[in-house]
Amino acid sequence: MAKKSSIARDEKRRRMHTQYAAKRAELKELGDTEGLHKLPRNSSPTRLKNRCIETGRPRGYMRTFGLSRISFREHASKGEIPGVTKSSW
């Protein structure tokens, strides 16, 4: 499991991104680079990091499910993810 501080930091960035999304889009449309520089750094979408919903793991993230590879495998083997079955041949 990831450190709680890194998970909290990423959640804070997500909240800030949604808070300033409209203003950021407006400033981009106007071409106001100085106005964009005055916005908080954490409101930028490039500072977001995809993390697992359950564990907060940053690596091995599967975008379609929002889980890391490890959590995905656990849920898939239990049959908790619809449409996903273990392959056998």
PDB file of N, CA and C in Angstrom:
ATOM      1  N   MET A   1       0.837  -1.173   0.000  1.00  0.00           N
ATOM      2  CA  MET A   1       0.000   0.000   0.000  1.00  0.00           C
ATOM      3  C   MET A   1       0.886   1.242   0.000  1.00  0.00           C
ATOM      4  N   ALA A   2       0.463   2.238  -0.769  1.00  0.00           N
ATOM      5  CA  ALA A   2       1.229   3.475  -0.870  1.00  0.00           C
ATOM      6  C   ALA A   2       1.106   4.277   0.428  1.00  0.00           C
ATOM      7  N   LYS A   3       2.036   5.197   0.621  1.00  0.00           N
ATOM      8  CA  LYS A   3       1.983   6.039   1.804  1.00  0.00           C
ATOM      9  C   LYS A   3       0.722   6.891   1.770  1.00  0.00           C
ATOM     10  N   LYS A   4       0.123   7.094   2.921  1.00  0.00           N
ATOM     11  CA  LYS A   4      -1.101   7.885   3.001  1.00  0.00           C
ATOM     12  C   LYS A   4      -0.872   9.323   2.566  1.00  0.00           C
ATOM     13  N   SER A   5       0.331   9.823   2.779  1.00  0.00           N
ATOM     14  CA  SER A   5       0.621  11.203   2.405  1.00  0.00           C
ATOM     15  C   SER A   5       0.613  11.379   0.888  1.00  0.00           C
ATOM     16  N   SER A   6       1.131  10.391   0.155  1.00  0.00           N
ATOM     17  CA  SER A   6       1.147  10.509  -1.308  1.00  0.00           C
ATOM     18  C   SER A   6      -0.257  10.349  -1.881  1.00  0.00           C
ATOM     19  N   ILE A   7      -1.080   9.498  -1.264  1.00  0.00           N
ATOM     20  CA  ILE A   7      -2.462   9.350  -1.707  1.00  0.00           C
ATOM     21  C   ILE A   7      -3.227  10.642  -1.441  1.00  0.00           C
ATOM     22  N   ALA A   8      -3.032  11.231  -0.263  1.00  0.00           N
ATOM     23  CA  ALA A   8      -3.708  12.473   0.100  1.00  0.00           C
ATOM     24  C   ALA A   8      -3.260  13.615  -0.805  1.00  0.00           C
ATOM     25  N   ARG A   9      -1.986  13.653  -1.138  1.00  0.00           N
ATOM     26  CA  ARG A   9      -1.464  14.707  -2.011  1.00  0.00           C
ATOM     27  C   ARG A   9      -2.116  14.634  -3.392  1.00  0.00           C
ATOM     28  N   ASP A  10      -2.256  13.406  -3.895  1.00  0.00           N
ATOM     29  CA  ASP A  10      -2.871  13.234  -5.206  1.00  0.00           C
ATOM     30  C   ASP A  10      -4.353  13.595  -5.163  1.00  0.00           C
ATOM     31  N   GLU A  11      -5.043  13.260  -4.075  1.00  0.00           N
ATOM     32  CA  GLU A  11      -6.459  13.635  -3.939  1.00  0.00           C
ATOM     33  C   GLU A  11      -6.612  15.153  -3.905  1.00  0.00           C
ATOM     34  N   LYS A  12      -5.692  15.820  -3.223  1.00  0.00           N
ATOM     35  CA  LYS A  12      -5.720  17.280  -3.160  1.00  0.00           C
ATOM     36  C   LYS A  12      -5.544  17.874  -4.556  1.00  0.00           C
ATOM     37  N   ARG A  13      -4.625  17.291  -5.325  1.00  0.00           N
ATOM     38  CA  ARG A  13      -4.409  17.766  -6.696  1.00  0.00           C
ATOM     39  C   ARG A  13      -5.635  17.545  -7.557  1.00  0.00           C
ATOM     40  N   ARG A  14      -6.325  16.411  -7.384  1.00  0.00           N
ATOM     41  CA  ARG A  14      -7.547  16.142  -8.150  1.00  0.00           C
ATOM     42  C   ARG A  14      -8.644  17.156  -7.824  1.00  0.00           C
ATOM     43  N   ARG A  15      -8.810  17.452  -6.535  1.00  0.00           N
ATOM     44  CA  ARG A  15      -9.811  18.451  -6.135  1.00  0.00           C
ATOM     45  C   ARG A  15      -9.482  19.817  -6.718  1.00  0.00           C
ATOM     46  N   MET A  16      -8.205  20.194  -6.659  1.00  0.00           N
ATOM     47  CA  MET A  16      -7.786  21.486  -7.166  1.00  0.00           C
ATOM     48  C   MET A  16      -7.956  21.565  -8.676  1.00  0.00           C
ATOM     49  N   HIS A  17      -7.691  20.458  -9.368  1.00  0.00           N
ATOM     50  CA  HIS A  17      -7.850  20.420 -10.825  1.00  0.00           C
ATOM     51  C   HIS A  17      -9.305  20.666 -11.213  1.00  0.00           C
ATOM     52  N   THR A  18     -10.240  20.019 -10.525  1.00  0.00           N
ATOM     53  CA  THR A  18     -11.659  20.220 -10.844  1.00  0.00           C
ATOM     54  C   THR A  18     -12.117  21.624 -10.471  1.00  0.00           C
ATOM     55  N   GLN A  19     -11.547  22.190  -9.411  1.00  0.00           N
ATOM     56  CA  GLN A  19     -11.932  23.528  -8.962  1.00  0.00           C
ATOM     57  C   GLN A  19     -11.533  24.594  -9.986  1.00  0.00           C
ATOM     58  N   TYR A  20     -10.356  24.463 -10.578  1.00  0.00           N
ATOM     59  CA  TYR A  20      -9.841  25.478 -11.492  1.00  0.00           C
ATOM     60  C   TYR A  20      -9.984  25.100 -12.970  1.00  0.00           C
ATOM     61  N   ALA A  21     -10.663  24.012 -13.286  1.00  0.00           N
ATOM     62  CA  ALA A  21     -10.744  23.544 -14.681  1.00  0.00           C
ATOM     63  C   ALA A  21     -11.400  24.576 -15.592  1.00  0.00           C
ATOM     64  N   ALA A  22     -12.509  25.164 -15.154  1.00  0.00           N
ATOM     65  CA  ALA A  22     -13.220  26.131 -15.991  1.00  0.00           C
ATOM     66  C   ALA A  22     -12.372  27.390 -16.209  1.00  0.00           C
ATOM     67  N   LYS A  23     -11.766  27.877 -15.155  1.00  0.00           N
ATOM     68  CA  LYS A  23     -10.944  29.083 -15.261  1.00  0.00           C
ATOM     69  C   LYS A  23      -9.723  28.838 -16.145  1.00  0.00           C
ATOM     70  N   ARG A  24      -9.121  27.663 -15.993  1.00  0.00           N
ATOM     71  CA  ARG A  24      -7.957  27.303 -16.805  1.00  0.00           C
ATOM     72  C   ARG A  24      -8.327  27.229 -18.282  1.00  0.00           C
ATOM     73  N   ALA A  25      -9.486  26.636 -18.595  1.00  0.00           N
ATOM     74  CA  ALA A  25      -9.930  26.534 -19.990  1.00  0.00           C
ATOM     75  C   ALA A  25     -10.209  27.923 -20.573  1.00  0.00           C
ATOM     76  N   GLU A  26     -10.787  28.785 -19.766  1.00  0.00           N
ATOM     77  CA  GLU A  26     -11.081  30.155 -20.214  1.00  0.00           C
ATOM     78  C   GLU A  26      -9.798  30.922 -20.514  1.00  0.00           C
ATOM     79  N   LEU A  27      -8.817  30.817 -19.637  1.00  0.00           N
ATOM     80  CA  LEU A  27      -7.545  31.512 -19.839  1.00  0.00           C
ATOM     81  C   LEU A  27      -6.797  30.952 -21.044  1.00  0.00           C
ATOM     82  N   LYS A  28      -6.887  29.650 -21.259  1.00  0.00           N
ATOM     83  CA  LYS A  28      -6.234  29.051 -22.422  1.00  0.00           C
ATOM     84  C   LYS A  28      -6.862  29.546 -23.709  1.00  0.00           C
ATOM     85  N   GLU A  29      -8.195  29.665 -23.701  1.00  0.00           N
ATOM     86  CA  GLU A  29      -8.906  30.131 -24.884  1.00  0.00           C
ATOM     87  C   GLU A  29      -8.523  31.571 -25.224  1.00  0.00           C
ATOM     88  N   LEU A  30      -8.341  32.394 -24.196  1.00  0.00           N
ATOM     89  CA  LEU A  30      -7.942  33.785 -24.408  1.00  0.00           C
ATOM     90  C   LEU A  30      -6.465  33.915 -24.750  1.00  0.00           C
ATOM     91  N   GLY A  31      -5.683  32.901 -24.439  1.00  0.00           N
ATOM     92  CA  GLY A  31      -4.244  32.931 -24.685  1.00  0.00           C
ATOM     93  C   GLY A  31      -3.493  33.724 -23.634  1.00  0.00           C
ATOM     94  N   ASP A  32      -4.065  33.812 -22.451  1.00  0.00           N
ATOM     95  CA  ASP A  32      -3.480  34.587 -21.356  1.00  0.00           C
ATOM     96  C   ASP A  32      -2.501  33.712 -20.568  1.00  0.00           C
ATOM     97  N   THR A  33      -1.241  33.717 -20.982  1.00  0.00           N
ATOM     98  CA  THR A  33      -0.243  32.884 -20.308  1.00  0.00           C
ATOM     99  C   THR A  33       0.099  33.402 -18.916  1.00  0.00           C
ATOM    100  N   GLU A  34       0.055  34.717 -18.732  1.00  0.00           N
ATOM    101  CA  GLU A  34       0.345  35.272 -17.406  1.00  0.00           C
ATOM    102  C   GLU A  34      -0.718  34.867 -16.403  1.00  0.00           C
ATOM    103  N   GLY A  35      -1.952  34.859 -16.841  1.00  0.00           N
ATOM    104  CA  GLY A  35      -3.035  34.419 -15.966  1.00  0.00           C
ATOM    105  C   GLY A  35      -2.898  32.954 -15.594  1.00  0.00           C
ATOM    106  N   LEU A  36      -2.449  32.143 -16.555  1.00  0.00           N
ATOM    107  CA  LEU A  36      -2.231  30.727 -16.272  1.00  0.00           C
ATOM    108  C   LEU A  36      -1.107  30.534 -15.256  1.00  0.00           C
ATOM    109  N   HIS A  37      -0.084  31.367 -15.342  1.00  0.00           N
ATOM    110  CA  HIS A  37       1.043  31.254 -14.409  1.00  0.00           C
ATOM    111  C   HIS A  37       0.631  31.635 -12.990  1.00  0.00           C
ATOM    112  N   LYS A  38      -0.400  32.458 -12.850  1.00  0.00           N
ATOM    113  CA  LYS A  38      -0.848  32.884 -11.521  1.00  0.00           C
ATOM    114  C   LYS A  38      -1.704  31.822 -10.827  1.00  0.00           C
ATOM    115  N   LEU A  39      -2.220  30.862 -11.591  1.00  0.00           N
ATOM    116  CA  LEU A  39      -2.996  29.785 -10.980  1.00  0.00           C
ATOM    117  C   LEU A  39      -2.068  28.868 -10.189  1.00  0.00           C
ATOM    118  N   PRO A  40      -2.603  28.136  -9.211  1.00  0.00           N
ATOM    119  CA  PRO A  40      -1.762  27.214  -8.436  1.00  0.00           C
ATOM    120  C   PRO A  40      -1.180  26.112  -9.317  1.00  0.00           C
ATOM    121  N   ARG A  41       0.010  25.686  -9.002  1.00  0.00           N
ATOM    122  CA  ARG A  41       0.675  24.645  -9.789  1.00  0.00           C
ATOM    123  C   ARG A  41      -0.109  23.334  -9.768  1.00  0.00           C
ATOM    124  N   ASN A  42      -0.675  23.007  -8.620  1.00  0.00           N
ATOM    125  CA  ASN A  42      -1.371  21.730  -8.493  1.00  0.00           C
ATOM    126  C   ASN A  42      -2.699  21.690  -9.234  1.00  0.00           C
ATOM    127  N   SER A  43      -3.124  22.794  -9.825  1.00  0.00           N
ATOM    128  CA  SER A  43      -4.366  22.782 -10.596  1.00  0.00           C
ATOM    129  C   SER A  43      -4.124  22.323 -12.030  1.00  0.00           C
ATOM    130  N   SER A  44      -2.871  22.129 -12.396  1.00  0.00           N
ATOM    131  CA  SER A  44      -2.531  21.674 -13.742  1.00  0.00           C
ATOM    132  C   SER A  44      -2.834  20.182 -13.894  1.00  0.00           C
ATOM    133  N   PRO A  45      -3.442  19.781 -15.024  1.00  0.00           N
ATOM    134  CA  PRO A  45      -3.759  18.357 -15.196  1.00  0.00           C
ATOM    135  C   PRO A  45      -2.530  17.469 -15.375  1.00  0.00           C
ATOM    136  N   THR A  46      -1.396  18.038 -15.741  1.00  0.00           N
ATOM    137  CA  THR A  46      -0.200  17.216 -15.923  1.00  0.00           C
ATOM    138  C   THR A  46       0.407  16.776 -14.595  1.00  0.00           C
ATOM    139  N   ARG A  47       0.001  17.381 -13.498  1.00  0.00           N
ATOM    140  CA  ARG A  47       0.527  17.003 -12.194  1.00  0.00           C
ATOM    141  C   ARG A  47      -0.262  15.858 -11.553  1.00  0.00           C
ATOM    142  N   LEU A  48      -1.346  15.415 -12.207  1.00  0.00           N
ATOM    143  CA  LEU A  48      -2.126  14.299 -11.692  1.00  0.00           C
ATOM    144  C   LEU A  48      -1.403  12.994 -11.980  1.00  0.00           C
ATOM    145  N   LYS A  49      -1.571  12.029 -11.090  1.00  0.00           N
ATOM    146  CA  LYS A  49      -0.953  10.719 -11.243  1.00  0.00           C
ATOM    147  C   LYS A  49      -2.042   9.667 -11.118  1.00  0.00           C
ATOM    148  N   ASN A  50      -2.101   8.751 -12.080  1.00  0.00           N
ATOM    149  CA  ASN A  50      -3.071   7.664 -11.992  1.00  0.00           C
ATOM    150  C   ASN A  50      -2.652   6.709 -10.884  1.00  0.00           C
ATOM    151  N   ARG A  51      -3.576   6.460  -9.945  1.00  0.00           N
ATOM    152  CA  ARG A  51      -3.304   5.567  -8.832  1.00  0.00           C
ATOM    153  C   ARG A  51      -4.445   4.585  -8.658  1.00  0.00           C
ATOM    154  N   CYS A  52      -4.123   3.438  -8.117  1.00  0.00           N
ATOM    155  CA  CYS A  52      -5.117   2.405  -7.833  1.00  0.00           C
ATOM    156  C   CYS A  52      -6.119   2.939  -6.810  1.00  0.00           C
ATOM    157  N   ILE A  53      -7.392   2.628  -7.013  1.00  0.00           N
ATOM    158  CA  ILE A  53      -8.437   3.094  -6.105  1.00  0.00           C
ATOM    159  C   ILE A  53      -8.280   2.467  -4.728  1.00  0.00           C
ATOM    160  N   GLU A  54      -7.931   1.208  -4.677  1.00  0.00           N
ATOM    161  CA  GLU A  54      -7.839   0.483  -3.410  1.00  0.00           C
ATOM    162  C   GLU A  54      -6.539   0.736  -2.665  1.00  0.00           C
ATOM    163  N   THR A  55      -5.419   0.532  -3.352  1.00  0.00           N
ATOM    164  CA  THR A  55      -4.125   0.542  -2.673  1.00  0.00           C
ATOM    165  C   THR A  55      -3.346   1.839  -2.846  1.00  0.00           C
ATOM    166  N   GLY A  56      -3.659   2.618  -3.879  1.00  0.00           N
ATOM    167  CA  GLY A  56      -2.904   3.835  -4.140  1.00  0.00           C
ATOM    168  C   GLY A  56      -1.620   3.587  -4.900  1.00  0.00           C
ATOM    169  N   ARG A  57      -1.445   2.370  -5.399  1.00  0.00           N
ATOM    170  CA  ARG A  57      -0.220   2.017  -6.126  1.00  0.00           C
ATOM    171  C   ARG A  57      -0.136   2.794  -7.435  1.00  0.00           C
ATOM    172  N   PRO A  58       1.004   3.478  -7.697  1.00  0.00           N
ATOM    173  CA  PRO A  58       1.116   4.284  -8.912  1.00  0.00           C
ATOM    174  C   PRO A  58       1.545   3.505 -10.145  1.00  0.00           C
ATOM    175  N   ARG A  59       2.182   2.360  -9.961  1.00  0.00           N
ATOM    176  CA  ARG A  59       2.676   1.604 -11.115  1.00  0.00           C
ATOM    177  C   ARG A  59       1.752   0.438 -11.424  1.00  0.00           C
ATOM    178  N   GLY A  60       1.760   0.017 -12.675  1.00  0.00           N
ATOM    179  CA  GLY A  60       0.932  -1.105 -13.080  1.00  0.00           C
ATOM    180  C   GLY A  60      -0.543  -0.771 -13.032  1.00  0.00           C
ATOM    181  N   TYR A  61      -0.892   0.469 -13.356  1.00  0.00           N
ATOM    182  CA  TYR A  61      -2.269   0.951 -13.278  1.00  0.00           C
ATOM    183  C   TYR A  61      -3.022   0.610 -14.556  1.00  0.00           C
ATOM    184  N   MET A  62      -4.220   0.044 -14.421  1.00  0.00           N
ATOM    185  CA  MET A  62      -5.067  -0.272 -15.571  1.00  0.00           C
ATOM    186  C   MET A  62      -6.180   0.773 -15.631  1.00  0.00           C
ATOM    187  N   ARG A  63      -6.118   1.619 -16.633  1.00  0.00           N
ATOM    188  CA  ARG A  63      -6.997   2.773 -16.740  1.00  0.00           C
ATOM    189  C   ARG A  63      -8.477   2.401 -16.840  1.00  0.00           C
ATOM    190  N   THR A  64      -8.793   1.342 -17.578  1.00  0.00           N
ATOM    191  CA  THR A  64     -10.200   0.980 -17.778  1.00  0.00           C
ATOM    192  C   THR A  64     -10.877   0.521 -16.492  1.00  0.00           C
ATOM    193  N   PHE A  65     -10.114  -0.018 -15.554  1.00  0.00           N
ATOM    194  CA  PHE A  65     -10.689  -0.519 -14.309  1.00  0.00           C
ATOM    195  C   PHE A  65     -10.364   0.362 -13.109  1.00  0.00           C
ATOM    196  N   GLY A  66      -9.354   1.204 -13.215  1.00  0.00           N
ATOM    197  CA  GLY A  66      -8.966   2.063 -12.104  1.00  0.00           C
ATOM    198  C   GLY A  66      -8.236   1.313 -11.006  1.00  0.00           C
ATOM    199  N   LEU A  67      -7.679   0.162 -11.355  1.00  0.00           N
ATOM    200  CA  LEU A  67      -6.990  -0.679 -10.382  1.00  0.00           C
ATOM    201  C   LEU A  67      -5.564  -0.955 -10.827  1.00  0.00           C
ATOM    202  N   SER A  68      -4.730  -1.327  -9.871  1.00  0.00           N
ATOM    203  CA  SER A  68      -3.391  -1.776 -10.217  1.00  0.00           C
ATOM    204  C   SER A  68      -3.479  -3.222 -10.695  1.00  0.00           C
ATOM    205  N   ARG A  69      -2.414  -3.713 -11.276  1.00  0.00           N
ATOM    206  CA  ARG A  69      -2.420  -5.074 -11.825  1.00  0.00           C
ATOM    207  C   ARG A  69      -2.647  -6.109 -10.732  1.00  0.00           C
ATOM    208  N   ILE A  70      -2.148  -5.836  -9.548  1.00  0.00           N
ATOM    209  CA  ILE A  70      -2.270  -6.783  -8.445  1.00  0.00           C
ATOM    210  C   ILE A  70      -3.711  -6.855  -7.951  1.00  0.00           C
ATOM    211  N   SER A  71      -4.329  -5.685  -7.735  1.00  0.00           N
ATOM    212  CA  SER A  71      -5.723  -5.646  -7.303  1.00  0.00           C
ATOM    213  C   SER A  71      -6.634  -6.215  -8.377  1.00  0.00           C
ATOM    214  N   PHE A  72      -6.315  -5.907  -9.638  1.00  0.00           N
ATOM    215  CA  PHE A  72      -7.121  -6.427 -10.742  1.00  0.00           C
ATOM    216  C   PHE A  72      -7.101  -7.950 -10.752  1.00  0.00           C
ATOM    217  N   ARG A  73      -5.927  -8.528 -10.555  1.00  0.00           N
ATOM    218  CA  ARG A  73      -5.798  -9.989 -10.587  1.00  0.00           C
ATOM    219  C   ARG A  73      -6.580 -10.636  -9.450  1.00  0.00           C
ATOM    220  N   GLU A  74      -6.531 -10.020  -8.268  1.00  0.00           N
ATOM    221  CA  GLU A  74      -7.271 -10.555  -7.124  1.00  0.00           C
ATOM    222  C   GLU A  74      -8.773 -10.556  -7.395  1.00  0.00           C
ATOM    223  N   HIS A  75      -9.284  -9.429  -7.900  1.00  0.00           N
ATOM    224  CA  HIS A  75     -10.716  -9.313  -8.174  1.00  0.00           C
ATOM    225  C   HIS A  75     -11.140 -10.221  -9.330  1.00  0.00           C
ATOM    226  N   ALA A  76     -10.298 -10.339 -10.344  1.00  0.00           N
ATOM    227  CA  ALA A  76     -10.629 -11.174 -11.493  1.00  0.00           C
ATOM    228  C   ALA A  76     -10.663 -12.650 -11.100  1.00  0.00           C
ATOM    229  N   SER A  77      -9.749 -13.071 -10.255  1.00  0.00           N
ATOM    230  CA  SER A  77      -9.730 -14.481  -9.855  1.00  0.00           C
ATOM    231  C   SER A  77     -10.922 -14.823  -8.967  1.00  0.00           C
ATOM    232  N   LYS A  78     -11.440 -13.845  -8.235  1.00  0.00           N
ATOM    233  CA  LYS A  78     -12.631 -14.063  -7.412  1.00  0.00           C
ATOM    234  C   LYS A  78     -13.916 -13.961  -8.234  1.00  0.00           C
ATOM    235  N   GLY A  79     -13.791 -13.460  -9.479  1.00  0.00           N
ATOM    236  CA  GLY A  79     -14.964 -13.313 -10.333  1.00  0.00           C
ATOM    237  C   GLY A  79     -15.770 -12.060 -10.036  1.00  0.00           C
ATOM    238  N   GLU A  80     -15.144 -11.043  -9.456  1.00  0.00           N
ATOM    239  CA  GLU A  80     -15.840  -9.827  -9.073  1.00  0.00           C
ATOM    240  C   GLU A  80     -15.886  -8.782 -10.177  1.00  0.00           C
ATOM    241  N   ILE A  81     -15.111  -8.981 -11.253  1.00  0.00           N
ATOM    242  CA  ILE A  81     -15.123  -8.037 -12.372  1.00  0.00           C
ATOM    243  C   ILE A  81     -15.924  -8.666 -13.499  1.00  0.00           C
ATOM    244  N   PRO A  82     -17.050  -8.048 -13.887  1.00  0.00           N
ATOM    245  CA  PRO A  82     -17.883  -8.653 -14.931  1.00  0.00           C
ATOM    246  C   PRO A  82     -17.184  -8.644 -16.284  1.00  0.00           C
ATOM    247  N   GLY A  83     -17.301  -9.748 -17.012  1.00  0.00           N
ATOM    248  CA  GLY A  83     -16.728  -9.868 -18.338  1.00  0.00           C
ATOM    249  C   GLY A  83     -15.286 -10.311 -18.371  1.00  0.00           C
ATOM    250  N   VAL A  84     -14.671 -10.494 -17.216  1.00  0.00           N
ATOM    251  CA  VAL A  84     -13.268 -10.907 -17.159  1.00  0.00           C
ATOM    252  C   VAL A  84     -13.199 -12.319 -16.621  1.00  0.00           C
ATOM    253  N   THR A  85     -12.588 -13.209 -17.379  1.00  0.00           N
ATOM    254  CA  THR A  85     -12.416 -14.584 -16.930  1.00  0.00           C
ATOM    255  C   THR A  85     -10.949 -14.965 -17.050  1.00  0.00           C
ATOM    256  N   LYS A  86     -10.540 -15.909 -16.238  1.00  0.00           N
ATOM    257  CA  LYS A  86      -9.170 -16.404 -16.282  1.00  0.00           C
ATOM    258  C   LYS A  86      -9.001 -17.246 -17.547  1.00  0.00           C
ATOM    259  N   SER A  87      -7.934 -16.985 -18.263  1.00  0.00           N
ATOM    260  CA  SER A  87      -7.720 -17.720 -19.509  1.00  0.00           C
ATOM    261  C   SER A  87      -7.195 -19.126 -19.207  1.00  0.00           C
ATOM    262  N   SER A  88      -7.634 -20.068 -20.033  1.00  0.00           N
ATOM    263  CA  SER A  88      -7.121 -21.431 -19.926  1.00  0.00           C
ATOM    264  C   SER A  88      -7.116 -22.060 -21.303  1.00  0.00           C
ATOM    265  N   TRP A  89      -6.066 -22.805 -21.612  1.00  0.00           N
ATOM    266  CA  TRP A  89      -5.982 -23.454 -22.923  1.00  0.00           C
ATOM    267  C   TRP A  89      -5.239 -24.749 -22.831  1.00  0.00           C
TER     268      TRP A  89
END
